Every structure is written in structure tokens, then in C-alpha cells.
């Protein structure tokens, strides 16, 4: 577990061989620490052979949660 990690969702579109992971963090600092610690790189290395293209990263702020 990474400090501040609050959960994740994995969305898939099998017909286009695409997926998206959405992770939730307590703070932006926790997200940044996870991204720069090497943890993400190490996790991606475990599934790299299954990927059809290199992953990309984008960060968004949750404005509304119901």
C-alpha cells in the first residue's frame, strides 16, 4: 500500500483493446510521491508484456463525488 492511496477503478473496452485505471489519493502530495518513488514503474513492469502500447499518465482533481 502506498501512503494516501484511497482506491482504484479499472475501466476496459475489450473491443478496442484499451483500458484505463483511475486511482484516488488523499492528497496531491501522496499522488506525486507515488509517481516519483518508482512504485508505478515497478508495477507496470509486471504487466508490460500484456500492453499493446506504452501507458500514458494524466492527473485530474475530483470536483464532484456523489
PDB file of N, CA and C in Angstrom:
ATOM      1  N   UNK A   1       0.843  -1.190   0.000  1.00  0.00           N
ATOM      2  CA  UNK A   1       0.000   0.000   0.000  1.00  0.00           C
ATOM      3  C   UNK A   1       0.882   1.246   0.000  1.00  0.00           C
ATOM      4  N   UNK A   2       0.450   2.196  -0.768  1.00  0.00           N
ATOM      5  CA  UNK A   2       1.143   3.470  -0.844  1.00  0.00           C
ATOM      6  C   UNK A   2       0.456   4.476   0.079  1.00  0.00           C
ATOM      7  N   UNK A   3       1.237   5.334   0.731  1.00  0.00           N
ATOM      8  CA  UNK A   3       0.682   6.341   1.627  1.00  0.00           C
ATOM      9  C   UNK A   3      -0.338   7.205   0.877  1.00  0.00           C
ATOM     10  N   UNK A   4      -1.505   7.348   1.440  1.00  0.00           N
ATOM     11  CA  UNK A   4      -2.534   8.203   0.863  1.00  0.00           C
ATOM     12  C   UNK A   4      -3.399   7.546  -0.197  1.00  0.00           C
ATOM     13  N   UNK A   5      -3.087   6.315  -0.594  1.00  0.00           N
ATOM     14  CA  UNK A   5      -3.884   5.626  -1.612  1.00  0.00           C
ATOM     15  C   UNK A   5      -5.261   5.317  -1.057  1.00  0.00           C
ATOM     16  N   UNK A   6      -6.313   5.680  -1.809  1.00  0.00           N
ATOM     17  CA  UNK A   6      -7.684   5.503  -1.331  1.00  0.00           C
ATOM     18  C   UNK A   6      -8.511   4.547  -2.185  1.00  0.00           C
ATOM     19  N   UNK A   7      -7.973   4.082  -3.303  1.00  0.00           N
ATOM     20  CA  UNK A   7      -8.701   3.114  -4.112  1.00  0.00           C
ATOM     21  C   UNK A   7      -8.425   3.305  -5.591  1.00  0.00           C
ATOM     22  N   UNK A   8      -8.989   2.373  -6.381  1.00  0.00           N
ATOM     23  CA  UNK A   8      -8.766   2.411  -7.830  1.00  0.00           C
ATOM     24  C   UNK A   8      -9.933   1.770  -8.554  1.00  0.00           C
ATOM     25  N   UNK A   9     -10.117   2.158  -9.785  1.00  0.00           N
ATOM     26  CA  UNK A   9     -11.072   1.532 -10.693  1.00  0.00           C
ATOM     27  C   UNK A   9     -10.332   1.255 -11.988  1.00  0.00           C
ATOM     28  N   UNK A  10     -10.610   0.116 -12.603  1.00  0.00           N
ATOM     29  CA  UNK A  10     -10.043  -0.221 -13.904  1.00  0.00           C
ATOM     30  C   UNK A  10     -11.205  -0.316 -14.890  1.00  0.00           C
ATOM     31  N   UNK A  11     -11.172   0.502 -15.929  1.00  0.00           N
ATOM     32  CA  UNK A  11     -12.195   0.504 -16.966  1.00  0.00           C
ATOM     33  C   UNK A  11     -11.606  -0.146 -18.208  1.00  0.00           C
ATOM     34  N   UNK A  12     -12.391  -0.986 -18.888  1.00  0.00           N
ATOM     35  CA  UNK A  12     -11.877  -1.654 -20.081  1.00  0.00           C
ATOM     36  C   UNK A  12     -12.843  -1.538 -21.247  1.00  0.00           C
ATOM     37  N   UNK A  13     -12.273  -1.545 -22.436  1.00  0.00           N
ATOM     38  CA  UNK A  13     -13.019  -1.629 -23.696  1.00  0.00           C
ATOM     39  C   UNK A  13     -12.353  -2.742 -24.497  1.00  0.00           C
ATOM     40  N   UNK A  14     -12.825  -3.955 -24.305  1.00  0.00           N
ATOM     41  CA  UNK A  14     -12.195  -5.124 -24.922  1.00  0.00           C
ATOM     42  C   UNK A  14     -12.224  -5.063 -26.445  1.00  0.00           C
ATOM     43  N   UNK A  15     -13.262  -4.453 -27.023  1.00  0.00           N
ATOM     44  CA  UNK A  15     -13.360  -4.403 -28.481  1.00  0.00           C
ATOM     45  C   UNK A  15     -12.258  -3.551 -29.103  1.00  0.00           C
ATOM     46  N   UNK A  16     -11.684  -2.627 -28.315  1.00  0.00           N
ATOM     47  CA  UNK A  16     -10.596  -1.775 -28.817  1.00  0.00           C
ATOM     48  C   UNK A  16      -9.273  -2.072 -28.122  1.00  0.00           C
ATOM     49  N   UNK A  17      -9.244  -3.119 -27.299  1.00  0.00           N
ATOM     50  CA  UNK A  17      -8.032  -3.485 -26.544  1.00  0.00           C
ATOM     51  C   UNK A  17      -7.486  -2.294 -25.758  1.00  0.00           C
ATOM     52  N   UNK A  18      -8.397  -1.611 -25.054  1.00  0.00           N
ATOM     53  CA  UNK A  18      -7.984  -0.437 -24.276  1.00  0.00           C
ATOM     54  C   UNK A  18      -8.460  -0.577 -22.845  1.00  0.00           C
ATOM     55  N   UNK A  19      -7.733   0.029 -21.950  1.00  0.00           N
ATOM     56  CA  UNK A  19      -8.153   0.092 -20.559  1.00  0.00           C
ATOM     57  C   UNK A  19      -7.648   1.394 -19.945  1.00  0.00           C
ATOM     58  N   UNK A  20      -8.264   1.743 -18.832  1.00  0.00           N
ATOM     59  CA  UNK A  20      -7.895   2.960 -18.119  1.00  0.00           C
ATOM     60  C   UNK A  20      -7.991   2.660 -16.627  1.00  0.00           C
ATOM     61  N   UNK A  21      -6.992   3.061 -15.896  1.00  0.00           N
ATOM     62  CA  UNK A  21      -7.086   2.934 -14.446  1.00  0.00           C
ATOM     63  C   UNK A  21      -7.277   4.327 -13.861  1.00  0.00           C
ATOM     64  N   UNK A  22      -8.139   4.393 -12.882  1.00  0.00           N
ATOM     65  CA  UNK A  22      -8.395   5.634 -12.163  1.00  0.00           C
ATOM     66  C   UNK A  22      -8.064   5.365 -10.706  1.00  0.00           C
ATOM     67  N   UNK A  23      -7.126   6.126 -10.176  1.00  0.00           N
ATOM     68  CA  UNK A  23      -6.741   5.946  -8.785  1.00  0.00           C
ATOM     69  C   UNK A  23      -7.156   7.180  -7.984  1.00  0.00           C
ATOM     70  N   UNK A  24      -7.394   6.961  -6.702  1.00  0.00           N
ATOM     71  CA  UNK A  24      -7.822   8.035  -5.813  1.00  0.00           C
ATOM     72  C   UNK A  24      -6.814   8.158  -4.676  1.00  0.00           C
ATOM     73  N   UNK A  25      -6.447   9.412  -4.379  1.00  0.00           N
ATOM     74  CA  UNK A  25      -5.409   9.700  -3.395  1.00  0.00           C
ATOM     75  C   UNK A  25      -5.917  10.712  -2.379  1.00  0.00           C
ATOM     76  N   UNK A  26      -5.413  10.602  -1.173  1.00  0.00           N
ATOM     77  CA  UNK A  26      -5.783  11.525  -0.100  1.00  0.00           C
ATOM     78  C   UNK A  26      -5.353  12.951  -0.440  1.00  0.00           C
ATOM     79  N   UNK A  27      -4.113  13.102  -0.916  1.00  0.00           N
ATOM     80  CA  UNK A  27      -3.602  14.435  -1.258  1.00  0.00           C
ATOM     81  C   UNK A  27      -2.826  14.380  -2.569  1.00  0.00           C
ATOM     82  N   UNK A  28      -2.638  15.528  -3.158  1.00  0.00           N
ATOM     83  CA  UNK A  28      -1.824  15.616  -4.370  1.00  0.00           C
ATOM     84  C   UNK A  28      -0.377  15.217  -4.069  1.00  0.00           C
ATOM     85  N   UNK A  29       0.092  15.552  -2.870  1.00  0.00           N
ATOM     86  CA  UNK A  29       1.457  15.184  -2.476  1.00  0.00           C
ATOM     87  C   UNK A  29       1.623  13.664  -2.434  1.00  0.00           C
ATOM     88  N   UNK A  30       0.590  12.942  -1.968  1.00  0.00           N
ATOM     89  CA  UNK A  30       0.646  11.476  -1.949  1.00  0.00           C
ATOM     90  C   UNK A  30       0.716  10.924  -3.371  1.00  0.00           C
ATOM     91  N   UNK A  31      -0.065  11.480  -4.277  1.00  0.00           N
ATOM     92  CA  UNK A  31      -0.033  11.075  -5.687  1.00  0.00           C
ATOM     93  C   UNK A  31       1.357  11.297  -6.274  1.00  0.00           C
ATOM     94  N   UNK A  32       1.898  12.466  -6.050  1.00  0.00           N
ATOM     95  CA  UNK A  32       3.218  12.801  -6.583  1.00  0.00           C
ATOM     96  C   UNK A  32       4.292  11.884  -6.013  1.00  0.00           C
ATOM     97  N   UNK A  33       4.227  11.616  -4.724  1.00  0.00           N
ATOM     98  CA  UNK A  33       5.222  10.732  -4.098  1.00  0.00           C
ATOM     99  C   UNK A  33       5.156   9.340  -4.705  1.00  0.00           C
ATOM    100  N   UNK A  34       3.962   8.847  -4.952  1.00  0.00           N
ATOM    101  CA  UNK A  34       3.816   7.528  -5.554  1.00  0.00           C
ATOM    102  C   UNK A  34       4.380   7.505  -6.971  1.00  0.00           C
ATOM    103  N   UNK A  35       4.118   8.569  -7.712  1.00  0.00           N
ATOM    104  CA  UNK A  35       4.564   8.641  -9.105  1.00  0.00           C
ATOM    105  C   UNK A  35       6.084   8.736  -9.217  1.00  0.00           C
ATOM    106  N   UNK A  36       6.725   9.343  -8.240  1.00  0.00           N
ATOM    107  CA  UNK A  36       8.167   9.552  -8.326  1.00  0.00           C
ATOM    108  C   UNK A  36       8.977   8.512  -7.548  1.00  0.00           C
ATOM    109  N   UNK A  37       8.310   7.643  -6.795  1.00  0.00           N
ATOM    110  CA  UNK A  37       9.024   6.672  -5.956  1.00  0.00           C
ATOM    111  C   UNK A  37       9.530   5.458  -6.729  1.00  0.00           C
ATOM    112  N   UNK A  38       9.030   5.260  -7.951  1.00  0.00           N
ATOM    113  CA  UNK A  38       9.385   4.072  -8.704  1.00  0.00           C
ATOM    114  C   UNK A  38       8.347   2.976  -8.559  1.00  0.00           C
ATOM    115  N   UNK A  39       7.385   3.147  -7.659  1.00  0.00           N
ATOM    116  CA  UNK A  39       6.352   2.134  -7.438  1.00  0.00           C
ATOM    117  C   UNK A  39       5.553   1.872  -8.710  1.00  0.00           C
ATOM    118  N   UNK A  40       5.103   2.932  -9.380  1.00  0.00           N
ATOM    119  CA  UNK A  40       4.300   2.770 -10.601  1.00  0.00           C
ATOM    120  C   UNK A  40       5.121   2.067 -11.671  1.00  0.00           C
ATOM    121  N   UNK A  41       6.351   2.489 -11.847  1.00  0.00           N
ATOM    122  CA  UNK A  41       7.238   1.861 -12.829  1.00  0.00           C
ATOM    123  C   UNK A  41       7.375   0.362 -12.556  1.00  0.00           C
ATOM    124  N   UNK A  42       7.569   0.015 -11.299  1.00  0.00           N
ATOM    125  CA  UNK A  42       7.733  -1.396 -10.932  1.00  0.00           C
ATOM    126  C   UNK A  42       6.461  -2.199 -11.201  1.00  0.00           C
ATOM    127  N   UNK A  43       5.310  -1.610 -10.932  1.00  0.00           N
ATOM    128  CA  UNK A  43       4.045  -2.308 -11.167  1.00  0.00           C
ATOM    129  C   UNK A  43       3.795  -2.490 -12.665  1.00  0.00           C
ATOM    130  N   UNK A  44       4.087  -1.471 -13.451  1.00  0.00           N
ATOM    131  CA  UNK A  44       3.907  -1.575 -14.899  1.00  0.00           C
ATOM    132  C   UNK A  44       4.848  -2.612 -15.510  1.00  0.00           C
ATOM    133  N   UNK A  45       6.027  -2.748 -14.942  1.00  0.00           N
ATOM    134  CA  UNK A  45       6.982  -3.735 -15.452  1.00  0.00           C
ATOM    135  C   UNK A  45       6.414  -5.150 -15.350  1.00  0.00           C
ATOM    136  N   UNK A  46       5.552  -5.382 -14.367  1.00  0.00           N
ATOM    137  CA  UNK A  46       4.958  -6.708 -14.176  1.00  0.00           C
ATOM    138  C   UNK A  46       3.975  -7.076 -15.285  1.00  0.00           C
ATOM    139  N   UNK A  47       3.373  -6.065 -15.933  1.00  0.00           N
ATOM    140  CA  UNK A  47       2.360  -6.334 -16.968  1.00  0.00           C
ATOM    141  C   UNK A  47       2.778  -5.824 -18.344  1.00  0.00           C
ATOM    142  N   UNK A  48       4.000  -5.349 -18.464  1.00  0.00           N
ATOM    143  CA  UNK A  48       4.456  -4.728 -19.717  1.00  0.00           C
ATOM    144  C   UNK A  48       4.237  -5.615 -20.934  1.00  0.00           C
ATOM    145  N   UNK A  49       4.437  -6.919 -20.812  1.00  0.00           N
ATOM    146  CA  UNK A  49       4.264  -7.824 -21.951  1.00  0.00           C
ATOM    147  C   UNK A  49       2.810  -7.921 -22.407  1.00  0.00           C
ATOM    148  N   UNK A  50       1.879  -7.525 -21.556  1.00  0.00           N
ATOM    149  CA  UNK A  50       0.453  -7.571 -21.900  1.00  0.00           C
ATOM    150  C   UNK A  50      -0.032  -6.278 -22.556  1.00  0.00           C
ATOM    151  N   UNK A  51       0.778  -5.243 -22.522  1.00  0.00           N
ATOM    152  CA  UNK A  51       0.370  -3.945 -23.056  1.00  0.00           C
ATOM    153  C   UNK A  51       0.581  -3.877 -24.563  1.00  0.00           C
ATOM    154  N   UNK A  52      -0.384  -3.268 -25.265  1.00  0.00           N
ATOM    155  CA  UNK A  52      -0.243  -3.103 -26.715  1.00  0.00           C
ATOM    156  C   UNK A  52       0.390  -1.756 -27.070  1.00  0.00           C
ATOM    157  N   UNK A  53       0.476  -0.853 -26.101  1.00  0.00           N
ATOM    158  CA  UNK A  53       1.104   0.453 -26.306  1.00  0.00           C
ATOM    159  C   UNK A  53       1.613   0.946 -24.955  1.00  0.00           C
ATOM    160  N   UNK A  54       2.578   1.829 -24.967  1.00  0.00           N
ATOM    161  CA  UNK A  54       3.069   2.370 -23.694  1.00  0.00           C
ATOM    162  C   UNK A  54       1.957   3.133 -22.975  1.00  0.00           C
ATOM    163  N   UNK A  55       1.885   3.019 -21.665  1.00  0.00           N
ATOM    164  CA  UNK A  55       0.864   3.748 -20.921  1.00  0.00           C
ATOM    165  C   UNK A  55       1.169   5.247 -20.872  1.00  0.00           C
ATOM    166  N   UNK A  56       0.131   6.025 -20.716  1.00  0.00           N
ATOM    167  CA  UNK A  56       0.278   7.468 -20.513  1.00  0.00           C
ATOM    168  C   UNK A  56      -0.350   7.816 -19.172  1.00  0.00           C
ATOM    169  N   UNK A  57       0.061   8.947 -18.605  1.00  0.00           N
ATOM    170  CA  UNK A  57      -0.467   9.377 -17.303  1.00  0.00           C
ATOM    171  C   UNK A  57      -1.052  10.771 -17.431  1.00  0.00           C
ATOM    172  N   UNK A  58      -2.175  10.975 -16.781  1.00  0.00           N
ATOM    173  CA  UNK A  58      -2.800  12.286 -16.658  1.00  0.00           C
ATOM    174  C   UNK A  58      -3.334  12.398 -15.240  1.00  0.00           C
ATOM    175  N   UNK A  59      -3.346  13.583 -14.684  1.00  0.00           N
ATOM    176  CA  UNK A  59      -3.868  13.785 -13.333  1.00  0.00           C
ATOM    177  C   UNK A  59      -5.028  14.772 -13.382  1.00  0.00           C
ATOM    178  N   UNK A  60      -6.067  14.446 -12.653  1.00  0.00           N
ATOM    179  CA  UNK A  60      -7.260  15.281 -12.563  1.00  0.00           C
ATOM    180  C   UNK A  60      -7.640  15.439 -11.093  1.00  0.00           C
ATOM    181  N   UNK A  61      -8.354  16.493 -10.792  1.00  0.00           N
ATOM    182  CA  UNK A  61      -8.856  16.726  -9.453  1.00  0.00           C
ATOM    183  C   UNK A  61     -10.341  16.399  -9.406  1.00  0.00           C
ATOM    184  N   UNK A  62     -10.772  15.645  -8.402  1.00  0.00           N
ATOM    185  CA  UNK A  62     -12.187  15.325  -8.243  1.00  0.00           C
ATOM    186  C   UNK A  62     -12.914  16.587  -7.777  1.00  0.00           C
ATOM    187  N   UNK A  63     -13.900  17.028  -8.555  1.00  0.00           N
ATOM    188  CA  UNK A  63     -14.688  18.217  -8.192  1.00  0.00           C
ATOM    189  C   UNK A  63     -16.042  17.851  -7.596  1.00  0.00           C
ATOM    190  N   UNK A  64     -16.610  16.761  -8.078  1.00  0.00           N
ATOM    191  CA  UNK A  64     -17.918  16.332  -7.586  1.00  0.00           C
ATOM    192  C   UNK A  64     -17.862  14.835  -7.349  1.00  0.00           C
ATOM    193  N   UNK A  65     -18.311  14.411  -6.184  1.00  0.00           N
ATOM    194  CA  UNK A  65     -18.423  12.994  -5.874  1.00  0.00           C
ATOM    195  C   UNK A  65     -19.774  12.786  -5.223  1.00  0.00           C
ATOM    196  N   UNK A  66     -20.549  11.880  -5.770  1.00  0.00           N
ATOM    197  CA  UNK A  66     -21.891  11.624  -5.263  1.00  0.00           C
ATOM    198  C   UNK A  66     -21.962  10.261  -4.651  1.00  0.00           C
TER     199      UNK A  66
END
